[in-house]
Amino acid sequence: MIGQRIKEIRNNNNLTQEELAEGIISRTYLSLIEKGSVHPSTNVLIKLSERLNCSVNDFMQEVSHFRYNDVEILREISYYEQKVDQGDYTSFEYFIDKEYQKVDEVPAPDNGRIHLLYAKYYRHIGDGQNLNVHIDQAVKLLSSVSFNQTYIDAILLKVELMVEESRVEAALDLLEDTLFTILRFSDQNFGVIRIMFAVADCYQRCGEYLTSLRMLKRVEKQSRMLQIQYKPDELAIIEGKNFAMTGNYELLQKRVENINSPEAKLLMCYATFKKGDFGSAAALFDDIKSDIPTVRNDGVLSLIHDELEKEFDSI
């Protein structure tokens, strides 16, 4: 009980375990105290109470049933969503340490937002096990309410993981179910574009190049309706790969000629080679040799690179 009470007071003072433990005990030992695994000495309790601006007797009281109020939770969720969107994960362990997801009073949608934040953090630090646990919880909880962009964020992160695990067809099933659900409410929504784009990418990965091209046309149509441009360079690369694999080299060349990226340069090289300009293609190929690791991470681009390398070696 003492450990739980120390943790509650520490959280109410917005202190991390490191900040409370500094100069008194180790963070690991404090963690063990809060879990109830060890019992601290009186001297340690006195020092902790001084830093927490309370008395030792406060540690003996019952843990509050309502540890946090709704306003505090929502404020912190929004704060960390902004930080994570900017790629800033500093002090995120402090947010995790509060264990808001265990508070009974937190509604399912907000709990889903918490789990999504956890998932993004664990992806950032490369913890695949915790990532999968929390993204599944996020999708489940966020699907309990009407469509929103946070739910789309969770779906797209889940899809990324499935694609990385070579479960592209399963990812497509999830995306198409989501798209069907969204379109029941409205087609005038940014989320529709995001899901369609992911669908097009997955179809391309499955070798369904014409289907991917049709979906990209829908993305462009929806973008015009909403007067936005969604990932124009990435869209051009996916479209270019589809043109490459369907033999439409003229359109491929036009699609990527104004993009300055390793992927676009390789596709331009391929279009130039297929149109018979071997000299220009060879020069382009030499120019992208330092970017080989980038293109090797993509199935279609890797095939194109291997074909070009074989052709130029034989010339």
C-alpha atoms as a PDB file:
ATOM      1  CA  MET A   1       0.000   0.000   0.000  1.00  0.00           C
ATOM      2  CA  ILE A   2       2.859   2.385   0.811  1.00  0.00           C
ATOM      3  CA  GLY A   3       4.340   1.864  -2.640  1.00  0.00           C
ATOM      4  CA  GLN A   4       1.058   2.601  -4.382  1.00  0.00           C
ATOM      5  CA  ARG A   5       0.588   5.712  -2.276  1.00  0.00           C
ATOM      6  CA  ILE A   6       4.109   6.969  -3.046  1.00  0.00           C
ATOM      7  CA  LYS A   7       3.434   6.459  -6.744  1.00  0.00           C
ATOM      8  CA  GLU A   8       0.116   8.309  -6.522  1.00  0.00           C
ATOM      9  CA  ILE A   9       1.654  11.314  -4.760  1.00  0.00           C
ATOM     10  CA  ARG A  10       4.606  11.328  -7.172  1.00  0.00           C
ATOM     11  CA  ASN A  11       2.234  11.385 -10.140  1.00  0.00           C
ATOM     12  CA  ASN A  12       0.184  14.150  -8.568  1.00  0.00           C
ATOM     13  CA  ASN A  13       3.414  16.159  -8.286  1.00  0.00           C
ATOM     14  CA  ASN A  14       4.258  15.495 -11.959  1.00  0.00           C
ATOM     15  CA  LEU A  15       7.559  13.843 -11.072  1.00  0.00           C
ATOM     16  CA  THR A  16       9.200  10.958 -12.901  1.00  0.00           C
ATOM     17  CA  GLN A  17      10.745   8.098 -10.962  1.00  0.00           C
ATOM     18  CA  GLU A  18      14.186   9.459 -11.865  1.00  0.00           C
ATOM     19  CA  GLU A  19      13.339  12.915 -10.508  1.00  0.00           C
ATOM     20  CA  LEU A  20      11.978  11.600  -7.217  1.00  0.00           C
ATOM     21  CA  ALA A  21      14.741   9.059  -6.680  1.00  0.00           C
ATOM     22  CA  GLU A  22      17.690  11.321  -7.586  1.00  0.00           C
ATOM     23  CA  GLY A  23      20.135  11.613  -4.706  1.00  0.00           C
ATOM     24  CA  ILE A  24      18.028   9.393  -2.449  1.00  0.00           C
ATOM     25  CA  ILE A  25      17.846   5.916  -3.972  1.00  0.00           C
ATOM     26  CA  SER A  26      18.161   4.393  -7.428  1.00  0.00           C
ATOM     27  CA  ARG A  27      15.270   4.607  -9.873  1.00  0.00           C
ATOM     28  CA  THR A  28      15.161   0.797  -9.952  1.00  0.00           C
ATOM     29  CA  TYR A  29      14.811   0.634  -6.171  1.00  0.00           C
ATOM     30  CA  LEU A  30      12.023   3.218  -6.249  1.00  0.00           C
ATOM     31  CA  SER A  31      10.260   1.152  -8.869  1.00  0.00           C
ATOM     32  CA  LEU A  32      10.452  -1.889  -6.599  1.00  0.00           C
ATOM     33  CA  ILE A  33       9.045   0.179  -3.708  1.00  0.00           C
ATOM     34  CA  GLU A  34       6.106   1.355  -5.815  1.00  0.00           C
ATOM     35  CA  LYS A  35       5.385  -2.210  -6.929  1.00  0.00           C
ATOM     36  CA  GLY A  36       5.418  -3.377  -3.313  1.00  0.00           C
ATOM     37  CA  SER A  37       8.381  -5.700  -3.893  1.00  0.00           C
ATOM     38  CA  VAL A  38      10.479  -4.100  -1.146  1.00  0.00           C
ATOM     39  CA  HIS A  39       9.738  -2.053   1.968  1.00  0.00           C
ATOM     40  CA  PRO A  40      11.728   1.206   2.309  1.00  0.00           C
ATOM     41  CA  SER A  41      13.482   2.234   5.507  1.00  0.00           C
ATOM     42  CA  THR A  42      12.135   5.075   7.639  1.00  0.00           C
ATOM     43  CA  ASN A  43      15.050   7.253   6.539  1.00  0.00           C
ATOM     44  CA  VAL A  44      14.167   6.728   2.862  1.00  0.00           C
ATOM     45  CA  LEU A  45      10.495   7.471   3.535  1.00  0.00           C
ATOM     46  CA  ILE A  46      11.407  10.734   5.254  1.00  0.00           C
ATOM     47  CA  LYS A  47      13.581  11.857   2.324  1.00  0.00           C
ATOM     48  CA  LEU A  48      10.913  10.906  -0.212  1.00  0.00           C
ATOM     49  CA  SER A  49       8.231  12.762   1.760  1.00  0.00           C
ATOM     50  CA  GLU A  50      10.391  15.891   1.891  1.00  0.00           C
ATOM     51  CA  ARG A  51      10.826  15.870  -1.872  1.00  0.00           C
ATOM     52  CA  LEU A  52       7.115  15.265  -2.363  1.00  0.00           C
ATOM     53  CA  ASN A  53       6.239  18.046   0.106  1.00  0.00           C
ATOM     54  CA  CYS A  54       4.127  15.741   2.265  1.00  0.00           C
ATOM     55  CA  SER A  55       4.425  13.833   5.540  1.00  0.00           C
ATOM     56  CA  VAL A  56       5.353  10.186   6.040  1.00  0.00           C
ATOM     57  CA  ASN A  57       1.832   9.711   7.390  1.00  0.00           C
ATOM     58  CA  ASP A  58       0.495  10.634   3.948  1.00  0.00           C
ATOM     59  CA  PHE A  59       2.121   7.464   2.641  1.00  0.00           C
ATOM     60  CA  MET A  60      -0.021   5.424   5.026  1.00  0.00           C
ATOM     61  CA  GLN A  61      -3.359   6.680   3.714  1.00  0.00           C
ATOM     62  CA  GLU A  62      -5.549   4.692   1.349  1.00  0.00           C
ATOM     63  CA  VAL A  63      -4.865   5.102  -2.347  1.00  0.00           C
ATOM     64  CA  SER A  64      -7.493   7.381  -3.881  1.00  0.00           C
ATOM     65  CA  HIS A  65     -10.166   5.616  -5.909  1.00  0.00           C
ATOM     66  CA  PHE A  66     -10.210   8.495  -8.412  1.00  0.00           C
ATOM     67  CA  ARG A  67      -6.529   9.053  -9.038  1.00  0.00           C
ATOM     68  CA  TYR A  68      -6.882  11.519 -11.877  1.00  0.00           C
ATOM     69  CA  ASN A  69      -9.585  13.813 -13.119  1.00  0.00           C
ATOM     70  CA  ASP A  70     -10.881  13.784 -16.688  1.00  0.00           C
ATOM     71  CA  VAL A  71      -9.508  17.221 -17.510  1.00  0.00           C
ATOM     72  CA  GLU A  72      -5.981  16.249 -16.484  1.00  0.00           C
ATOM     73  CA  ILE A  73      -6.068  13.044 -18.515  1.00  0.00           C
ATOM     74  CA  LEU A  74      -7.426  14.674 -21.673  1.00  0.00           C
ATOM     75  CA  ARG A  75      -4.957  17.535 -21.376  1.00  0.00           C
ATOM     76  CA  GLU A  76      -2.011  15.155 -21.118  1.00  0.00           C
ATOM     77  CA  ILE A  77      -3.240  12.943 -23.964  1.00  0.00           C
ATOM     78  CA  SER A  78      -3.538  15.967 -26.263  1.00  0.00           C
ATOM     79  CA  TYR A  79      -0.149  17.295 -25.135  1.00  0.00           C
ATOM     80  CA  TYR A  80       1.645  14.042 -25.903  1.00  0.00           C
ATOM     81  CA  GLU A  81      -0.221  13.559 -29.174  1.00  0.00           C
ATOM     82  CA  GLN A  82       1.215  16.882 -30.342  1.00  0.00           C
ATOM     83  CA  LYS A  83       4.711  15.936 -29.184  1.00  0.00           C
ATOM     84  CA  VAL A  84       4.595  12.515 -30.850  1.00  0.00           C
ATOM     85  CA  ASP A  85       3.251  13.993 -34.105  1.00  0.00           C
ATOM     86  CA  GLN A  86       6.391  16.156 -34.122  1.00  0.00           C
ATOM     87  CA  GLY A  87       8.606  13.142 -33.431  1.00  0.00           C
ATOM     88  CA  ASP A  88       9.368  14.323 -29.894  1.00  0.00           C
ATOM     89  CA  TYR A  89       9.422  11.438 -27.404  1.00  0.00           C
ATOM     90  CA  THR A  90      11.269  13.230 -24.611  1.00  0.00           C
ATOM     91  CA  SER A  91       9.717  12.588 -21.177  1.00  0.00           C
ATOM     92  CA  PHE A  92       7.330  10.047 -22.695  1.00  0.00           C
ATOM     93  CA  GLU A  93       8.253   7.460 -20.080  1.00  0.00           C
ATOM     94  CA  TYR A  94       6.733   9.830 -17.527  1.00  0.00           C
ATOM     95  CA  PHE A  95       3.422   9.607 -19.408  1.00  0.00           C
ATOM     96  CA  ILE A  96       3.618   5.798 -19.522  1.00  0.00           C
ATOM     97  CA  ASP A  97       4.442   5.679 -15.838  1.00  0.00           C
ATOM     98  CA  LYS A  98       1.108   7.296 -14.980  1.00  0.00           C
ATOM     99  CA  GLU A  99      -0.703   4.232 -16.342  1.00  0.00           C
ATOM    100  CA  TYR A 100      -3.742   6.195 -17.443  1.00  0.00           C
ATOM    101  CA  GLN A 101      -4.933   3.151 -19.417  1.00  0.00           C
ATOM    102  CA  LYS A 102      -5.700   1.422 -16.107  1.00  0.00           C
ATOM    103  CA  VAL A 103      -7.988   4.167 -14.828  1.00  0.00           C
ATOM    104  CA  ASP A 104     -11.530   2.787 -14.921  1.00  0.00           C
ATOM    105  CA  GLU A 105     -13.123   6.172 -15.568  1.00  0.00           C
ATOM    106  CA  VAL A 106     -11.295   6.759 -18.868  1.00  0.00           C
ATOM    107  CA  PRO A 107     -13.779   6.264 -21.778  1.00  0.00           C
ATOM    108  CA  ALA A 108     -12.887   3.681 -24.436  1.00  0.00           C
ATOM    109  CA  PRO A 109     -12.052   6.232 -27.190  1.00  0.00           C
ATOM    110  CA  ASP A 110      -9.623   8.128 -24.955  1.00  0.00           C
ATOM    111  CA  ASN A 111      -8.145   4.859 -23.728  1.00  0.00           C
ATOM    112  CA  GLY A 112      -7.634   3.977 -27.387  1.00  0.00           C
ATOM    113  CA  ARG A 113      -5.747   7.239 -27.882  1.00  0.00           C
ATOM    114  CA  ILE A 114      -3.517   6.324 -24.931  1.00  0.00           C
ATOM    115  CA  HIS A 115      -2.739   2.881 -26.376  1.00  0.00           C
ATOM    116  CA  LEU A 116      -2.008   4.428 -29.782  1.00  0.00           C
ATOM    117  CA  LEU A 117       0.488   6.798 -28.170  1.00  0.00           C
ATOM    118  CA  TYR A 118       2.122   3.844 -26.421  1.00  0.00           C
ATOM    119  CA  ALA A 119       2.273   1.958 -29.736  1.00  0.00           C
ATOM    120  CA  LYS A 120       3.978   4.860 -31.505  1.00  0.00           C
ATOM    121  CA  TYR A 121       6.480   5.179 -28.670  1.00  0.00           C
ATOM    122  CA  TYR A 122       7.332   1.474 -28.701  1.00  0.00           C
ATOM    123  CA  ARG A 123       7.731   1.621 -32.486  1.00  0.00           C
ATOM    124  CA  HIS A 124      10.101   4.544 -31.988  1.00  0.00           C
ATOM    125  CA  ILE A 125      12.318   2.576 -29.583  1.00  0.00           C
ATOM    126  CA  GLY A 126      12.035  -0.703 -31.502  1.00  0.00           C
ATOM    127  CA  ASP A 127      10.052  -2.691 -28.934  1.00  0.00           C
ATOM    128  CA  GLY A 128       7.997  -4.901 -31.238  1.00  0.00           C
ATOM    129  CA  GLN A 129       6.306  -6.943 -28.527  1.00  0.00           C
ATOM    130  CA  ASN A 130       4.806  -3.977 -26.685  1.00  0.00           C
ATOM    131  CA  LEU A 131       4.081  -2.270 -29.997  1.00  0.00           C
ATOM    132  CA  ASN A 132       1.841  -5.125 -31.148  1.00  0.00           C
ATOM    133  CA  VAL A 133       0.038  -5.334 -27.822  1.00  0.00           C
ATOM    134  CA  HIS A 134      -0.827  -1.650 -27.751  1.00  0.00           C
ATOM    135  CA  ILE A 135      -1.702  -1.197 -31.420  1.00  0.00           C
ATOM    136  CA  ASP A 136      -4.197  -4.063 -31.169  1.00  0.00           C
ATOM    137  CA  GLN A 137      -5.751  -2.454 -28.107  1.00  0.00           C
ATOM    138  CA  ALA A 138      -5.856   0.933 -29.838  1.00  0.00           C
ATOM    139  CA  VAL A 139      -7.665  -0.452 -32.900  1.00  0.00           C
ATOM    140  CA  LYS A 140     -10.144  -2.346 -30.722  1.00  0.00           C
ATOM    141  CA  LEU A 141     -10.976   0.596 -28.462  1.00  0.00           C
ATOM    142  CA  LEU A 142     -11.085   3.243 -31.182  1.00  0.00           C
ATOM    143  CA  SER A 143     -13.397   1.113 -33.338  1.00  0.00           C
ATOM    144  CA  SER A 144     -16.019   1.332 -30.589  1.00  0.00           C
ATOM    145  CA  VAL A 145     -16.985   4.840 -31.687  1.00  0.00           C
ATOM    146  CA  SER A 146     -17.854   6.537 -34.961  1.00  0.00           C
ATOM    147  CA  PHE A 147     -15.128   7.098 -37.521  1.00  0.00           C
ATOM    148  CA  ASN A 148     -12.354   9.570 -36.627  1.00  0.00           C
ATOM    149  CA  GLN A 149      -8.819  10.400 -37.749  1.00  0.00           C
ATOM    150  CA  THR A 150      -7.246   8.815 -34.652  1.00  0.00           C
ATOM    151  CA  TYR A 151      -8.839   5.503 -35.616  1.00  0.00           C
ATOM    152  CA  ILE A 152      -7.359   5.929 -39.105  1.00  0.00           C
ATOM    153  CA  ASP A 153      -3.942   6.558 -37.508  1.00  0.00           C
ATOM    154  CA  ALA A 154      -4.252   3.279 -35.605  1.00  0.00           C
ATOM    155  CA  ILE A 155      -5.370   1.326 -38.668  1.00  0.00           C
ATOM    156  CA  LEU A 156      -2.511   2.668 -40.796  1.00  0.00           C
ATOM    157  CA  LEU A 157       0.079   1.859 -38.126  1.00  0.00           C
ATOM    158  CA  LYS A 158      -1.364  -1.655 -37.849  1.00  0.00           C
ATOM    159  CA  VAL A 159      -1.172  -1.993 -41.637  1.00  0.00           C
ATOM    160  CA  GLU A 160       2.475  -0.865 -41.644  1.00  0.00           C
ATOM    161  CA  LEU A 161       3.313  -3.639 -39.202  1.00  0.00           C
ATOM    162  CA  MET A 162       1.407  -6.242 -41.216  1.00  0.00           C
ATOM    163  CA  VAL A 163       3.216  -5.217 -44.408  1.00  0.00           C
ATOM    164  CA  GLU A 164       6.579  -5.459 -42.638  1.00  0.00           C
ATOM    165  CA  GLU A 165       5.593  -8.990 -41.582  1.00  0.00           C
ATOM    166  CA  SER A 166       4.763  -9.822 -45.247  1.00  0.00           C
ATOM    167  CA  ARG A 167       1.051 -10.078 -44.411  1.00  0.00           C
ATOM    168  CA  VAL A 168       0.047  -7.780 -47.255  1.00  0.00           C
ATOM    169  CA  GLU A 169      -3.182  -9.575 -48.176  1.00  0.00           C
ATOM    170  CA  ALA A 170      -4.349  -9.453 -44.553  1.00  0.00           C
ATOM    171  CA  ALA A 171      -3.473  -5.759 -44.503  1.00  0.00           C
ATOM    172  CA  LEU A 172      -5.592  -5.274 -47.628  1.00  0.00           C
ATOM    173  CA  ASP A 173      -8.550  -6.991 -45.971  1.00  0.00           C
ATOM    174  CA  LEU A 174      -8.279  -4.649 -42.988  1.00  0.00           C
ATOM    175  CA  LEU A 175      -7.969  -1.577 -45.210  1.00  0.00           C
ATOM    176  CA  GLU A 176     -10.891  -2.488 -47.452  1.00  0.00           C
ATOM    177  CA  ASP A 177     -13.137  -3.190 -44.454  1.00  0.00           C
ATOM    178  CA  THR A 178     -12.144   0.187 -43.029  1.00  0.00           C
ATOM    179  CA  LEU A 179     -12.756   1.950 -46.338  1.00  0.00           C
ATOM    180  CA  PHE A 180     -16.201   0.374 -46.626  1.00  0.00           C
ATOM    181  CA  THR A 181     -17.047   1.579 -43.120  1.00  0.00           C
ATOM    182  CA  ILE A 182     -15.835   5.126 -43.763  1.00  0.00           C
ATOM    183  CA  LEU A 183     -17.710   5.457 -47.050  1.00  0.00           C
ATOM    184  CA  ARG A 184     -20.958   4.593 -45.257  1.00  0.00           C
ATOM    185  CA  PHE A 185     -20.619   7.923 -43.454  1.00  0.00           C
ATOM    186  CA  SER A 186     -19.093  10.193 -46.097  1.00  0.00           C
ATOM    187  CA  ASP A 187     -16.717  10.264 -49.040  1.00  0.00           C
ATOM    188  CA  GLN A 188     -15.861  13.907 -48.360  1.00  0.00           C
ATOM    189  CA  ASN A 189     -13.271  13.059 -45.741  1.00  0.00           C
ATOM    190  CA  PHE A 190      -9.501  13.199 -45.516  1.00  0.00           C
ATOM    191  CA  GLY A 191      -9.496   9.740 -43.952  1.00  0.00           C
ATOM    192  CA  VAL A 192     -10.883   8.281 -47.186  1.00  0.00           C
ATOM    193  CA  ILE A 193      -7.832   9.548 -49.074  1.00  0.00           C
ATOM    194  CA  ARG A 194      -5.416   8.147 -46.498  1.00  0.00           C
ATOM    195  CA  ILE A 195      -6.997   4.689 -46.598  1.00  0.00           C
ATOM    196  CA  MET A 196      -7.276   4.648 -50.409  1.00  0.00           C
ATOM    197  CA  PHE A 197      -3.611   5.554 -50.684  1.00  0.00           C
ATOM    198  CA  ALA A 198      -2.654   2.652 -48.410  1.00  0.00           C
ATOM    199  CA  VAL A 199      -4.909   0.312 -50.405  1.00  0.00           C
ATOM    200  CA  ALA A 200      -3.183   1.352 -53.644  1.00  0.00           C
ATOM    201  CA  ASP A 201       0.218   0.740 -52.075  1.00  0.00           C
ATOM    202  CA  CYS A 202      -0.792  -2.742 -50.888  1.00  0.00           C
ATOM    203  CA  TYR A 203      -2.222  -3.698 -54.291  1.00  0.00           C
ATOM    204  CA  GLN A 204       1.071  -2.671 -55.864  1.00  0.00           C
ATOM    205  CA  ARG A 205       2.964  -4.834 -53.348  1.00  0.00           C
ATOM    206  CA  CYS A 206       0.703  -7.774 -54.256  1.00  0.00           C
ATOM    207  CA  GLY A 207       1.486  -7.368 -57.952  1.00  0.00           C
ATOM    208  CA  GLU A 208      -1.995  -6.076 -58.786  1.00  0.00           C
ATOM    209  CA  TYR A 209      -0.597  -3.122 -60.721  1.00  0.00           C
ATOM    210  CA  LEU A 210      -3.681  -2.160 -62.731  1.00  0.00           C
ATOM    211  CA  THR A 211      -5.879  -2.307 -59.631  1.00  0.00           C
ATOM    212  CA  SER A 212      -3.344  -0.139 -57.830  1.00  0.00           C
ATOM    213  CA  LEU A 213      -3.451   2.396 -60.666  1.00  0.00           C
ATOM    214  CA  ARG A 214      -7.251   2.541 -60.498  1.00  0.00           C
ATOM    215  CA  MET A 215      -7.133   3.158 -56.761  1.00  0.00           C
ATOM    216  CA  LEU A 216      -4.563   5.930 -57.229  1.00  0.00           C
ATOM    217  CA  LYS A 217      -6.945   7.601 -59.673  1.00  0.00           C
ATOM    218  CA  ARG A 218      -9.553   7.568 -56.918  1.00  0.00           C
ATOM    219  CA  VAL A 219      -7.030   9.126 -54.547  1.00  0.00           C
ATOM    220  CA  GLU A 220      -6.365  11.916 -57.019  1.00  0.00           C
ATOM    221  CA  LYS A 221     -10.106  12.466 -57.566  1.00  0.00           C
ATOM    222  CA  GLN A 222     -10.792  12.653 -53.823  1.00  0.00           C
ATOM    223  CA  SER A 223      -7.842  15.024 -53.380  1.00  0.00           C
ATOM    224  CA  ARG A 224      -9.220  17.374 -56.010  1.00  0.00           C
ATOM    225  CA  MET A 225     -12.631  17.305 -54.334  1.00  0.00           C
ATOM    226  CA  LEU A 226     -11.066  18.316 -51.018  1.00  0.00           C
ATOM    227  CA  GLN A 227      -8.623  20.700 -52.754  1.00  0.00           C
ATOM    228  CA  ILE A 228      -5.534  19.118 -51.216  1.00  0.00           C
ATOM    229  CA  GLN A 229      -2.421  17.289 -52.377  1.00  0.00           C
ATOM    230  CA  TYR A 230      -1.768  14.107 -50.435  1.00  0.00           C
ATOM    231  CA  LYS A 231       1.812  12.786 -50.563  1.00  0.00           C
ATOM    232  CA  PRO A 232       2.310  13.826 -54.217  1.00  0.00           C
ATOM    233  CA  ASP A 233       5.856  12.467 -54.572  1.00  0.00           C
ATOM    234  CA  GLU A 234       5.058   9.145 -52.899  1.00  0.00           C
ATOM    235  CA  LEU A 235       1.944   8.807 -55.062  1.00  0.00           C
ATOM    236  CA  ALA A 236       4.033   9.448 -58.171  1.00  0.00           C
ATOM    237  CA  ILE A 237       6.529   6.742 -57.148  1.00  0.00           C
ATOM    238  CA  ILE A 238       3.824   4.129 -56.589  1.00  0.00           C
ATOM    239  CA  GLU A 239       2.202   5.086 -59.877  1.00  0.00           C
ATOM    240  CA  GLY A 240       5.605   4.972 -61.566  1.00  0.00           C
ATOM    241  CA  LYS A 241       6.282   1.468 -60.287  1.00  0.00           C
ATOM    242  CA  ASN A 242       2.916   0.379 -61.649  1.00  0.00           C
ATOM    243  CA  PHE A 243       3.750   1.891 -65.046  1.00  0.00           C
ATOM    244  CA  ALA A 244       7.145   0.166 -64.995  1.00  0.00           C
ATOM    245  CA  MET A 245       5.660  -3.247 -64.287  1.00  0.00           C
ATOM    246  CA  THR A 246       2.930  -2.843 -66.931  1.00  0.00           C
ATOM    247  CA  GLY A 247       5.370  -1.650 -69.598  1.00  0.00           C
ATOM    248  CA  ASN A 248       4.070   1.898 -69.940  1.00  0.00           C
ATOM    249  CA  TYR A 249       7.480   3.558 -70.102  1.00  0.00           C
ATOM    250  CA  GLU A 250       6.331   6.816 -71.689  1.00  0.00           C
ATOM    251  CA  LEU A 251       3.965   7.547 -68.802  1.00  0.00           C
ATOM    252  CA  LEU A 252       6.580   6.336 -66.332  1.00  0.00           C
ATOM    253  CA  GLN A 253       9.103   8.854 -67.614  1.00  0.00           C
ATOM    254  CA  LYS A 254       6.629  11.735 -67.474  1.00  0.00           C
ATOM    255  CA  ARG A 255       5.490  10.766 -63.983  1.00  0.00           C
ATOM    256  CA  VAL A 256       8.902  10.826 -62.277  1.00  0.00           C
ATOM    257  CA  GLU A 257      10.943  13.297 -64.336  1.00  0.00           C
ATOM    258  CA  ASN A 258      10.486  16.181 -61.867  1.00  0.00           C
ATOM    259  CA  ILE A 259      11.162  14.191 -58.681  1.00  0.00           C
ATOM    260  CA  ASN A 260      14.632  14.171 -57.175  1.00  0.00           C
ATOM    261  CA  SER A 261      14.825  10.993 -55.115  1.00  0.00           C
ATOM    262  CA  PRO A 262      16.736   7.696 -55.462  1.00  0.00           C
ATOM    263  CA  GLU A 263      13.484   5.887 -56.278  1.00  0.00           C
ATOM    264  CA  ALA A 264      12.533   8.385 -58.988  1.00  0.00           C
ATOM    265  CA  LYS A 265      16.042   8.326 -60.481  1.00  0.00           C
ATOM    266  CA  LEU A 266      15.982   4.534 -60.747  1.00  0.00           C
ATOM    267  CA  LEU A 267      12.558   4.592 -62.386  1.00  0.00           C
ATOM    268  CA  MET A 268      13.696   7.295 -64.796  1.00  0.00           C
ATOM    269  CA  CYS A 269      16.765   5.203 -65.608  1.00  0.00           C
ATOM    270  CA  TYR A 270      14.533   2.198 -66.290  1.00  0.00           C
ATOM    271  CA  ALA A 271      12.195   4.170 -68.557  1.00  0.00           C
ATOM    272  CA  THR A 272      15.157   5.657 -70.445  1.00  0.00           C
ATOM    273  CA  PHE A 273      16.732   2.210 -70.907  1.00  0.00           C
ATOM    274  CA  LYS A 274      13.497   0.628 -72.093  1.00  0.00           C
ATOM    275  CA  LYS A 275      13.045   3.426 -74.630  1.00  0.00           C
ATOM    276  CA  GLY A 276      16.465   2.588 -76.097  1.00  0.00           C
ATOM    277  CA  ASP A 277      18.655   5.442 -74.814  1.00  0.00           C
ATOM    278  CA  PHE A 278      21.322   3.190 -73.275  1.00  0.00           C
ATOM    279  CA  GLY A 279      23.953   5.908 -72.851  1.00  0.00           C
ATOM    280  CA  SER A 280      21.722   8.215 -70.831  1.00  0.00           C
ATOM    281  CA  ALA A 281      20.394   5.255 -68.848  1.00  0.00           C
ATOM    282  CA  ALA A 282      23.930   4.111 -67.968  1.00  0.00           C
ATOM    283  CA  ALA A 283      24.802   7.612 -66.745  1.00  0.00           C
ATOM    284  CA  LEU A 284      21.675   7.688 -64.598  1.00  0.00           C
ATOM    285  CA  PHE A 285      22.466   4.243 -63.217  1.00  0.00           C
ATOM    286  CA  ASP A 286      25.967   5.324 -62.184  1.00  0.00           C
ATOM    287  CA  ASP A 287      24.445   8.328 -60.428  1.00  0.00           C
ATOM    288  CA  ILE A 288      22.311   6.187 -58.090  1.00  0.00           C
ATOM    289  CA  LYS A 289      24.899   3.605 -57.028  1.00  0.00           C
ATOM    290  CA  SER A 290      25.328   5.257 -53.634  1.00  0.00           C
ATOM    291  CA  ASP A 291      21.587   4.955 -53.044  1.00  0.00           C
ATOM    292  CA  ILE A 292      21.332   1.202 -53.621  1.00  0.00           C
ATOM    293  CA  PRO A 293      20.346   0.384 -49.993  1.00  0.00           C
ATOM    294  CA  THR A 294      17.325   2.667 -50.370  1.00  0.00           C
ATOM    295  CA  VAL A 295      15.949   0.960 -53.456  1.00  0.00           C
ATOM    296  CA  ARG A 296      16.800  -2.515 -52.170  1.00  0.00           C
ATOM    297  CA  ASN A 297      14.140  -2.144 -49.487  1.00  0.00           C
ATOM    298  CA  ASP A 298      11.392  -2.148 -52.135  1.00  0.00           C
ATOM    299  CA  GLY A 299      10.402  -5.308 -54.016  1.00  0.00           C
ATOM    300  CA  VAL A 300       9.652  -3.690 -57.391  1.00  0.00           C
ATOM    301  CA  LEU A 301      12.612  -1.314 -57.296  1.00  0.00           C
ATOM    302  CA  SER A 302      14.931  -4.155 -56.326  1.00  0.00           C
ATOM    303  CA  LEU A 303      13.770  -6.168 -59.349  1.00  0.00           C
ATOM    304  CA  ILE A 304      14.285  -3.166 -61.623  1.00  0.00           C
ATOM    305  CA  HIS A 305      17.749  -2.554 -60.205  1.00  0.00           C
ATOM    306  CA  ASP A 306      18.767  -6.185 -60.709  1.00  0.00           C
ATOM    307  CA  GLU A 307      17.543  -6.136 -64.309  1.00  0.00           C
ATOM    308  CA  LEU A 308      19.433  -2.925 -65.094  1.00  0.00           C
ATOM    309  CA  GLU A 309      22.602  -4.115 -63.360  1.00  0.00           C
ATOM    310  CA  LYS A 310      22.552  -7.324 -65.386  1.00  0.00           C
ATOM    311  CA  GLU A 311      21.991  -5.442 -68.644  1.00  0.00           C
ATOM    312  CA  PHE A 312      24.736  -2.885 -68.037  1.00  0.00           C
ATOM    313  CA  ASP A 313      27.220  -5.570 -66.964  1.00  0.00           C
ATOM    314  CA  SER A 314      26.665  -7.358 -70.261  1.00  0.00           C
ATOM    315  CA  ILE A 315      27.192  -4.236 -72.374  1.00  0.00           C
END
